[in-house]
């Protein structure tokens, strides 16, 4: 099949302005590139944030680089088939089925040598759907293909494979690993979205004794209970009530690890008010506004507070775990749409609570 000159794509032009439109089909730019024909993608909460104007740097950076703004194709997750590869790509060839990582990495810069792939200094890191065009299109150009693609096993559910692009490694690395979750720990996860569920599932590999899931959506809380949460707390009545409930569950002690998986001030507040001395606060959520950081109360508690953008350095391990069905990720794929229904998919995900949507999968 000959690659067409144009393709359909979901493009961001500014706050509250996204368009499903014709765009030029990507081509190889650097010898380490690959072009992927997409077969499944999804919508991330980060995409919604961009749509709402949470990341004005996208346009500002584009104008600074090229002097113009022609929009940005959204998306950083998905699976597909290799359409063409650059001359330097050794591990992939045309026709290979692949998982696309949300993080592109050169593998040789100072930060990549530290496995800090999120901050690759060779124009890598989280760039697709952000600083370069992304996966919510019929084709996508993937930089550093040898380091940023994974072969898709034939026996892996492709719905699950999509979660390996971002949600699962983000929850595991920035929530569970940075939060230093250990056997016997008590943990609270604030936010039962796809990333929060990724935290919930991967945390269980480390055998915490108590896992409390906090959210305002009873449907998501019920799903969390099915997937391993020992307790759930509905926070719709406010921070104070949620904190009281968490303290009651932990006999007034608080938790060893509080994981913020939303990116809003109230979620952060619940975490800082429920972590106990010597504990950890792991911030996973993408924050667009300032939070009240109560350092005057926290300084004395010998805490470790971490933040971060996923490095995708555990994606390979998680892929093997999913391949042997240890993580029931497929339950999170609650809605499926055809690619030409992209606008409808965005509307459903934007109103996730009323539509009982966890993750929408877009099939080509």
Protein backbone atom coordinates (compact mmCIF):
# COMPACT_ATOMS: atom_id res chain seq x y z
CA UNK A 1 0.00 0.00 0.00
CA UNK A 2 1.43 3.38 -1.01
CA UNK A 3 1.61 5.97 1.74
CA UNK A 4 -0.82 8.81 0.90
CA UNK A 5 0.27 12.45 0.68
CA UNK A 6 -2.26 13.52 3.32
CA UNK A 7 -4.00 11.91 6.25
CA UNK A 8 -6.66 12.62 8.87
CA UNK A 9 -5.47 13.82 12.28
CA UNK A 10 -6.72 15.48 15.46
CA UNK A 11 -4.93 18.82 15.61
CA UNK A 12 -4.62 21.38 18.42
CA UNK A 13 -4.56 25.06 17.44
CA UNK A 14 -5.04 26.75 20.81
CA UNK A 15 -7.18 26.69 23.95
CA UNK A 16 -10.56 25.06 23.19
CA UNK A 17 -9.64 24.69 19.51
CA UNK A 18 -8.97 21.19 18.19
CA UNK A 19 -9.87 20.04 14.69
CA UNK A 20 -10.17 16.65 12.99
CA UNK A 21 -8.69 17.55 9.62
CA UNK A 22 -6.42 16.69 6.72
CA UNK A 23 -2.69 17.01 7.42
CA UNK A 24 0.46 16.15 5.46
CA UNK A 25 1.56 12.55 6.02
CA UNK A 26 4.89 12.46 7.91
CA UNK A 27 8.13 11.41 6.27
CA UNK A 28 11.55 10.32 7.50
CA UNK A 29 13.56 13.38 8.61
CA UNK A 30 16.50 11.86 10.51
CA UNK A 31 18.15 8.50 9.78
CA UNK A 32 17.05 7.22 13.22
CA UNK A 33 13.35 7.86 12.46
CA UNK A 34 10.56 5.45 11.68
CA UNK A 35 7.12 6.20 10.28
CA UNK A 36 4.34 4.08 11.79
CA UNK A 37 0.93 3.37 10.31
CA UNK A 38 -1.31 3.56 13.37
CA UNK A 39 -3.72 0.73 14.20
CA UNK A 40 -4.84 1.82 17.69
CA UNK A 41 -4.44 4.98 19.72
CA UNK A 42 -6.14 6.56 22.71
CA UNK A 43 -6.79 9.87 24.44
CA UNK A 44 -4.83 10.81 27.57
CA UNK A 45 -5.82 13.25 30.28
CA UNK A 46 -2.79 15.25 29.13
CA UNK A 47 -4.44 15.66 25.72
CA UNK A 48 -7.51 17.11 27.43
CA UNK A 49 -5.26 19.47 29.37
CA UNK A 50 -3.61 20.67 26.16
CA UNK A 51 -7.06 21.17 24.59
CA UNK A 52 -8.06 23.33 27.57
CA UNK A 53 -4.97 25.52 27.16
CA UNK A 54 -2.86 23.99 29.94
CA UNK A 55 0.29 23.94 27.80
CA UNK A 56 0.68 27.25 25.92
CA UNK A 57 4.39 26.48 25.51
CA UNK A 58 3.50 24.19 22.61
CA UNK A 59 2.60 27.12 20.38
CA UNK A 60 5.25 29.41 21.85
CA UNK A 61 8.04 26.89 21.20
CA UNK A 62 6.86 26.25 17.65
CA UNK A 63 6.82 29.98 16.86
CA UNK A 64 10.27 30.43 18.40
CA UNK A 65 11.70 27.61 16.28
CA UNK A 66 10.07 28.25 12.92
CA UNK A 67 8.41 31.65 13.20
CA UNK A 68 5.00 30.16 12.48
CA UNK A 69 2.25 28.10 14.09
CA UNK A 70 0.48 25.45 12.02
CA UNK A 71 -1.05 23.45 14.86
CA UNK A 72 0.06 20.29 16.62
CA UNK A 73 -1.28 16.77 16.08
CA UNK A 74 -2.17 15.40 19.51
CA UNK A 75 -1.45 12.00 21.07
CA UNK A 76 1.52 10.09 22.46
CA UNK A 77 0.18 6.54 22.84
CA UNK A 78 -0.64 3.71 20.51
CA UNK A 79 0.34 0.69 18.46
CA UNK A 80 0.88 0.29 14.75
CA UNK A 81 2.85 -1.19 11.88
CA UNK A 82 6.22 0.11 10.66
CA UNK A 83 5.72 1.77 7.28
CA UNK A 84 9.31 2.91 6.66
CA UNK A 85 12.56 3.33 8.58
CA UNK A 86 15.56 5.60 8.35
CA UNK A 87 18.95 4.33 7.20
CA UNK A 88 20.30 4.09 10.79
CA UNK A 89 17.42 2.00 12.22
CA UNK A 90 18.62 -1.56 12.89
CA UNK A 91 16.04 -3.23 15.15
CA UNK A 92 12.86 -2.61 13.16
CA UNK A 93 11.80 -3.06 9.55
CA UNK A 94 8.79 -2.37 7.37
CA UNK A 95 5.84 -4.53 8.45
CA UNK A 96 6.85 -4.95 12.11
CA UNK A 97 4.03 -4.54 14.63
CA UNK A 98 5.13 -2.12 17.36
CA UNK A 99 4.19 -0.36 20.59
CA UNK A 100 5.05 3.34 20.55
CA UNK A 101 6.55 4.75 23.74
CA UNK A 102 5.44 8.21 24.85
CA UNK A 103 9.11 9.01 25.50
CA UNK A 104 11.64 9.26 22.66
CA UNK A 105 15.27 8.83 23.65
CA UNK A 106 18.58 9.06 21.85
CA UNK A 107 20.22 6.67 24.33
CA UNK A 108 23.61 8.39 24.37
CA UNK A 109 23.30 11.91 25.84
CA UNK A 110 24.20 12.72 29.45
CA UNK A 111 20.64 12.26 30.72
CA UNK A 112 19.99 9.08 28.74
CA UNK A 113 23.15 7.58 30.24
CA UNK A 114 21.50 8.14 33.64
CA UNK A 115 18.25 6.51 32.40
CA UNK A 116 16.67 9.95 32.67
CA UNK A 117 15.07 9.42 29.29
CA UNK A 118 12.26 11.90 29.96
CA UNK A 119 14.89 14.62 29.67
CA UNK A 120 16.87 13.37 26.67
CA UNK A 121 19.03 16.29 25.57
CA UNK A 122 18.96 15.36 21.87
CA UNK A 123 15.44 16.72 21.29
CA UNK A 124 13.89 13.64 22.92
CA UNK A 125 11.77 13.07 26.01
CA UNK A 126 8.01 13.55 25.88
CA UNK A 127 7.73 15.24 22.49
CA UNK A 128 5.06 13.45 20.44
CA UNK A 129 1.77 15.32 20.61
CA UNK A 130 3.68 18.06 22.41
CA UNK A 131 6.76 19.39 20.63
CA UNK A 132 6.29 17.31 17.47
CA UNK A 133 3.20 15.80 15.86
CA UNK A 134 1.72 12.84 17.68
CA UNK A 135 -0.19 9.58 17.35
CA UNK A 136 -3.81 10.68 16.88
CA UNK A 137 -3.37 10.41 13.13
CA UNK A 138 -3.18 7.75 10.48
CA UNK A 139 0.63 7.91 10.49
CA UNK A 140 3.23 9.16 12.97
CA UNK A 141 6.96 9.82 12.77
CA UNK A 142 8.81 8.29 15.71
CA UNK A 143 12.30 9.67 16.46
CA UNK A 144 15.05 7.36 17.77
CA UNK A 145 13.06 4.33 16.65
CA UNK A 146 15.52 1.70 17.91
CA UNK A 147 15.23 3.06 21.45
CA UNK A 148 11.62 4.24 21.44
CA UNK A 149 9.63 1.38 19.90
CA UNK A 150 8.85 -2.09 21.26
CA UNK A 151 8.01 -5.16 19.25
CA UNK A 152 4.34 -6.04 19.78
CA UNK A 153 3.98 -9.72 20.75
CA UNK A 154 1.33 -11.61 18.82
CA UNK A 155 -0.23 -12.93 22.04
CA UNK A 156 -0.67 -9.52 23.70
CA UNK A 157 -4.11 -7.89 23.67
CA UNK A 158 -3.63 -4.69 21.68
CA UNK A 159 -5.91 -2.76 24.06
CA UNK A 160 -3.42 -3.61 26.82
CA UNK A 161 -0.48 -2.75 24.58
CA UNK A 162 -1.77 0.83 24.25
CA UNK A 163 -1.47 1.26 28.04
CA UNK A 164 2.22 0.37 27.80
CA UNK A 165 2.81 3.58 25.85
CA UNK A 166 2.26 5.78 28.89
CA UNK A 167 -0.32 5.02 31.61
CA UNK A 168 1.23 1.85 33.00
CA UNK A 169 4.92 2.86 33.05
CA UNK A 170 3.99 6.32 34.37
CA UNK A 171 2.03 4.85 37.29
CA UNK A 172 4.74 2.32 38.04
CA UNK A 173 7.81 4.53 37.78
CA UNK A 174 6.62 7.90 39.07
CA UNK A 175 4.06 6.57 41.53
CA UNK A 176 5.22 3.20 42.84
CA UNK A 177 8.99 3.28 42.35
CA UNK A 178 9.49 6.94 43.25
CA UNK A 179 7.10 6.45 46.17
CA UNK A 180 9.28 3.55 47.38
CA UNK A 181 6.30 1.27 47.97
CA UNK A 182 7.38 -1.75 50.05
CA UNK A 183 5.81 -4.94 51.41
CA UNK A 184 3.43 -4.19 54.28
CA UNK A 185 3.11 -0.47 53.47
CA UNK A 186 -0.07 1.55 53.60
CA UNK A 187 -0.58 3.70 50.51
CA UNK A 188 -3.18 6.14 49.23
CA UNK A 189 -3.69 6.83 45.54
CA UNK A 190 -5.56 10.07 44.88
CA UNK A 191 -7.14 9.82 41.45
CA UNK A 192 -8.70 6.69 39.93
CA UNK A 193 -8.09 7.58 36.29
CA UNK A 194 -6.01 5.41 33.92
CA UNK A 195 -2.68 6.45 35.49
CA UNK A 196 -4.05 6.03 39.01
CA UNK A 197 -5.23 2.56 38.03
CA UNK A 198 -1.76 1.90 36.64
CA UNK A 199 -0.39 2.80 40.08
CA UNK A 200 -2.94 0.51 41.73
CA UNK A 201 -2.07 -2.50 39.57
CA UNK A 202 1.70 -2.16 39.64
CA UNK A 203 1.77 -1.35 43.38
CA UNK A 204 0.42 -4.83 44.06
CA UNK A 205 3.66 -6.31 42.69
CA UNK A 206 5.32 -4.85 45.83
CA UNK A 207 2.76 -6.29 48.32
CA UNK A 208 1.56 -3.23 50.27
CA UNK A 209 -0.86 -4.19 53.06
CA UNK A 210 -3.31 -1.32 52.57
CA UNK A 211 -4.22 0.37 49.29
CA UNK A 212 -6.68 3.26 49.57
CA UNK A 213 -8.09 4.70 46.33
CA UNK A 214 -9.57 8.21 46.43
CA UNK A 215 -11.77 9.70 43.74
CA UNK A 216 -15.04 11.58 43.24
CA UNK A 217 -16.47 8.99 40.83
CA UNK A 218 -18.18 6.00 42.46
CA UNK A 219 -17.99 4.00 39.24
CA UNK A 220 -14.21 4.34 39.13
CA UNK A 221 -13.96 3.55 42.84
CA UNK A 222 -15.96 0.36 42.32
CA UNK A 223 -13.58 -0.63 39.52
CA UNK A 224 -10.61 0.11 41.78
CA UNK A 225 -12.03 -2.21 44.43
CA UNK A 226 -12.39 -4.96 41.82
CA UNK A 227 -8.79 -4.44 40.75
CA UNK A 228 -7.20 -4.69 44.18
CA UNK A 229 -7.86 -1.59 46.30
CA UNK A 230 -8.46 -2.61 49.93
CA UNK A 231 -10.40 0.61 50.68
CA UNK A 232 -12.03 3.41 48.69
CA UNK A 233 -12.85 7.00 49.67
CA UNK A 234 -15.18 9.32 47.76
CA UNK A 235 -13.70 12.81 48.09
CA UNK A 236 -16.64 14.77 46.67
CA UNK A 237 -17.51 16.20 50.08
CA UNK A 238 -14.12 17.90 50.34
CA UNK A 239 -10.51 17.51 51.43
CA UNK A 240 -11.23 17.51 55.17
CA UNK A 241 -13.67 14.58 54.99
CA UNK A 242 -11.33 12.60 52.72
CA UNK A 243 -8.41 13.16 55.09
CA UNK A 244 -10.54 12.09 58.06
CA UNK A 245 -11.61 8.91 56.28
CA UNK A 246 -8.01 8.01 55.36
CA UNK A 247 -6.85 8.61 58.92
CA UNK A 248 -9.65 6.40 60.23
CA UNK A 249 -8.58 3.58 57.92
CA UNK A 250 -4.97 3.89 59.15
CA UNK A 251 -5.82 4.15 62.87
CA UNK A 252 -4.94 7.83 62.84
CA UNK A 253 -1.39 7.26 61.61
CA UNK A 254 -1.64 8.22 57.96
CA UNK A 255 0.03 6.39 55.10
CA UNK A 256 3.57 5.38 54.25
CA UNK A 257 3.14 6.63 50.70
CA UNK A 258 0.69 9.17 49.26
CA UNK A 259 0.49 9.20 45.46
CA UNK A 260 -1.07 12.18 43.67
CA UNK A 261 -2.40 11.01 40.31
CA UNK A 262 -4.70 13.87 39.24
CA UNK A 263 -2.83 17.17 39.00
CA UNK A 264 -5.16 19.45 40.98
CA UNK A 265 -4.60 21.35 44.27
CA UNK A 266 -7.15 19.35 46.32
CA UNK A 267 -5.50 16.05 45.36
CA UNK A 268 -2.10 17.39 46.46
CA UNK A 269 -3.65 18.67 49.69
CA UNK A 270 -5.04 15.24 50.55
CA UNK A 271 -1.59 13.74 50.05
CA UNK A 272 0.29 16.24 52.18
CA UNK A 273 -2.27 15.94 54.97
CA UNK A 274 -2.28 12.13 55.13
CA UNK A 275 1.37 11.09 54.77
CA UNK A 276 2.95 10.01 58.03
CA UNK A 277 6.42 10.76 59.36
CA UNK A 278 9.18 9.12 57.37
CA UNK A 279 6.82 8.62 54.45
CA UNK A 280 6.80 9.52 50.79
CA UNK A 281 4.69 11.79 48.62
CA UNK A 282 4.96 10.86 44.95
CA UNK A 283 3.43 13.42 42.61
CA UNK A 284 2.39 11.86 39.30
CA UNK A 285 -0.32 14.31 38.21
CA UNK A 286 0.34 17.11 35.72
CA UNK A 287 -0.29 20.39 37.52
CA UNK A 288 -1.32 23.52 35.64
CA UNK A 289 -1.81 25.79 38.66
CA UNK A 290 0.05 26.39 41.92
CA UNK A 291 -0.68 24.33 45.02
CA UNK A 292 -0.40 25.22 48.70
CA UNK A 293 2.78 23.44 49.80
CA UNK A 294 2.59 23.36 53.61
CA UNK A 295 6.33 23.25 54.20
CA UNK A 296 5.88 24.75 57.65
CA UNK A 297 4.09 21.52 58.66
CA UNK A 298 5.99 19.05 56.53
CA UNK A 299 9.61 19.99 57.20
CA UNK A 300 9.67 18.17 60.55
CA UNK A 301 8.25 14.88 59.23
CA UNK A 302 11.38 13.50 57.48
CA UNK A 303 9.54 13.07 54.20
CA UNK A 304 10.69 12.29 50.70
CA UNK A 305 8.74 14.21 48.05
CA UNK A 306 9.22 13.28 44.41
CA UNK A 307 7.94 14.54 41.09
CA UNK A 308 8.61 13.37 37.59
CA UNK A 309 7.85 12.63 33.99
CA UNK A 310 7.94 8.96 33.01
CA UNK A 311 11.30 7.69 31.75
CA UNK A 312 9.81 4.49 30.29
CA UNK A 313 12.80 2.55 31.60
CA UNK A 314 10.50 -0.20 32.96
CA UNK A 315 8.31 -0.57 29.86
CA UNK A 316 10.06 -3.74 28.73
CA UNK A 317 9.54 -5.41 32.10
CA UNK A 318 5.89 -4.34 32.23
CA UNK A 319 5.37 -5.64 28.69
CA UNK A 320 6.49 -9.11 29.81
CA UNK A 321 4.25 -8.87 32.88
CA UNK A 322 1.23 -8.01 30.72
CA UNK A 323 2.15 -10.73 28.24
CA UNK A 324 1.76 -13.37 30.94
CA UNK A 325 -1.55 -11.77 32.06
CA UNK A 326 -0.43 -10.68 35.51
CA UNK A 327 -2.04 -7.24 35.12
CA UNK A 328 -5.73 -7.10 34.04
CA UNK A 329 -5.31 -3.87 32.08
CA UNK A 330 -7.91 -4.80 29.48
CA UNK A 331 -10.69 -3.94 31.97
CA UNK A 332 -9.68 -0.29 31.73
CA UNK A 333 -10.52 -0.08 28.02
CA UNK A 334 -14.18 0.81 28.57
CA UNK A 335 -15.03 2.44 25.23
CA UNK A 336 -14.04 1.73 21.62
CA UNK A 337 -14.41 4.04 18.63
CA UNK A 338 -13.45 3.96 14.98
CA UNK A 339 -10.86 6.50 13.88
CA UNK A 340 -13.43 8.56 11.99
CA UNK A 341 -15.31 8.91 15.31
CA UNK A 342 -12.39 10.75 16.93
CA UNK A 343 -14.47 13.83 17.77
CA UNK A 344 -17.09 11.68 19.48
CA UNK A 345 -14.36 9.86 21.41
CA UNK A 346 -13.03 13.19 22.70
CA UNK A 347 -16.51 14.23 23.80
CA UNK A 348 -17.04 10.96 25.68
CA UNK A 349 -13.64 11.15 27.40
CA UNK A 350 -14.09 14.83 28.24
CA UNK A 351 -17.29 13.83 30.11
CA UNK A 352 -15.82 10.60 31.47
CA UNK A 353 -17.77 10.51 34.70
CA UNK A 354 -21.23 10.71 33.18
CA UNK A 355 -20.23 8.26 30.43
CA UNK A 356 -18.55 5.84 32.88
CA UNK A 357 -15.45 6.04 30.71
CA UNK A 358 -12.02 5.00 31.95
CA UNK A 359 -10.03 4.81 28.72
CA UNK A 360 -11.25 5.20 25.17
CA UNK A 361 -9.57 3.16 22.45
CA UNK A 362 -9.57 4.43 18.88
CA UNK A 363 -9.26 1.72 16.20
CA UNK A 364 -8.26 2.29 12.58
